[in-house]
Amino acid sequence: MDDCPIRKETEKLKGLGGEMKRAMRRLRRDLARCDVCPDLVECPFRQEFNEMIDEIIAEVNKEWGRR
């Protein structure tokens, strides 16, 4: 198993995944403030973020053969 060609990358990705989970939790807490923001409906930051997440999900699904 020590000579597995994907081990290094999977370990790296696992670490990055942990960082992403923590960042998403912080973001979710911060986004709770949006509920009282008068600009919520037209917020460019939230719209850009949602579009970015949609693109990431689509790319992951495409790369892994999901639709």
Protein backbone atom coordinates (compact mmCIF):
# COMPACT_ATOMS: atom_id res chain seq x y z
CA MET A 1 0.00 0.00 0.00
CA ASP A 2 2.96 2.33 0.52
CA ASP A 3 3.64 2.32 -3.21
CA CYS A 4 0.04 3.14 -4.19
CA PRO A 5 0.15 5.80 -6.93
CA ILE A 6 -2.92 7.64 -5.68
CA ARG A 7 -2.25 7.53 -1.95
CA LYS A 8 -0.45 10.88 -1.81
CA GLU A 9 -3.18 12.68 -3.74
CA THR A 10 -6.01 11.10 -1.76
CA GLU A 11 -4.36 12.07 1.53
CA LYS A 12 -3.89 15.61 0.24
CA LEU A 13 -7.52 15.76 -0.89
CA LYS A 14 -8.71 14.43 2.45
CA GLY A 15 -6.92 17.27 4.21
CA LEU A 16 -8.33 19.84 1.81
CA GLY A 17 -11.79 18.37 2.31
CA GLY A 18 -11.49 18.90 6.05
CA GLU A 19 -10.47 22.51 5.51
CA MET A 20 -13.39 23.01 3.16
CA LYS A 21 -15.87 21.57 5.66
CA ARG A 22 -14.66 23.98 8.32
CA ALA A 23 -14.79 26.92 5.92
CA MET A 24 -18.34 25.98 4.85
CA ARG A 25 -19.46 25.84 8.49
CA ARG A 26 -18.04 29.31 9.11
CA LEU A 27 -19.68 30.59 5.95
CA ARG A 28 -23.03 29.07 6.90
CA ARG A 29 -22.88 30.90 10.24
CA ASP A 30 -21.97 34.15 8.50
CA LEU A 31 -24.70 33.74 5.89
CA ALA A 32 -27.27 33.67 8.68
CA ARG A 33 -26.72 37.41 8.86
CA CYS A 34 -28.06 37.70 5.32
CA ASP A 35 -31.56 36.94 6.57
CA VAL A 36 -31.80 40.45 8.03
CA CYS A 37 -29.99 42.22 5.19
CA PRO A 38 -32.19 44.57 3.14
CA ASP A 39 -30.16 43.67 0.01
CA LEU A 40 -30.64 39.91 0.34
CA VAL A 41 -32.64 39.44 -2.87
CA GLU A 42 -30.20 41.40 -5.05
CA CYS A 43 -26.97 40.51 -3.24
CA PRO A 44 -24.21 40.09 -5.85
CA PHE A 45 -21.93 38.23 -3.44
CA ARG A 46 -24.52 35.61 -2.62
CA GLN A 47 -25.49 35.22 -6.29
CA GLU A 48 -21.84 34.79 -7.34
CA PHE A 49 -21.25 32.27 -4.56
CA ASN A 50 -24.31 30.23 -5.52
CA GLU A 51 -23.22 30.22 -9.17
CA MET A 52 -19.71 29.12 -8.19
CA ILE A 53 -21.08 26.24 -6.09
CA ASP A 54 -23.39 25.17 -8.93
CA GLU A 55 -20.42 25.11 -11.33
CA ILE A 56 -18.29 23.10 -8.91
CA ILE A 57 -21.04 20.53 -8.36
CA ALA A 58 -21.61 20.21 -12.11
CA GLU A 59 -17.90 19.73 -12.73
CA VAL A 60 -17.55 17.08 -10.02
CA ASN A 61 -20.58 15.25 -11.38
CA LYS A 62 -19.20 15.38 -14.92
CA GLU A 63 -15.73 14.19 -13.87
CA TRP A 64 -17.13 11.29 -11.88
CA GLY A 65 -19.65 10.27 -14.54
CA ARG A 66 -22.75 11.57 -12.78
CA ARG A 67 -25.43 13.74 -14.34
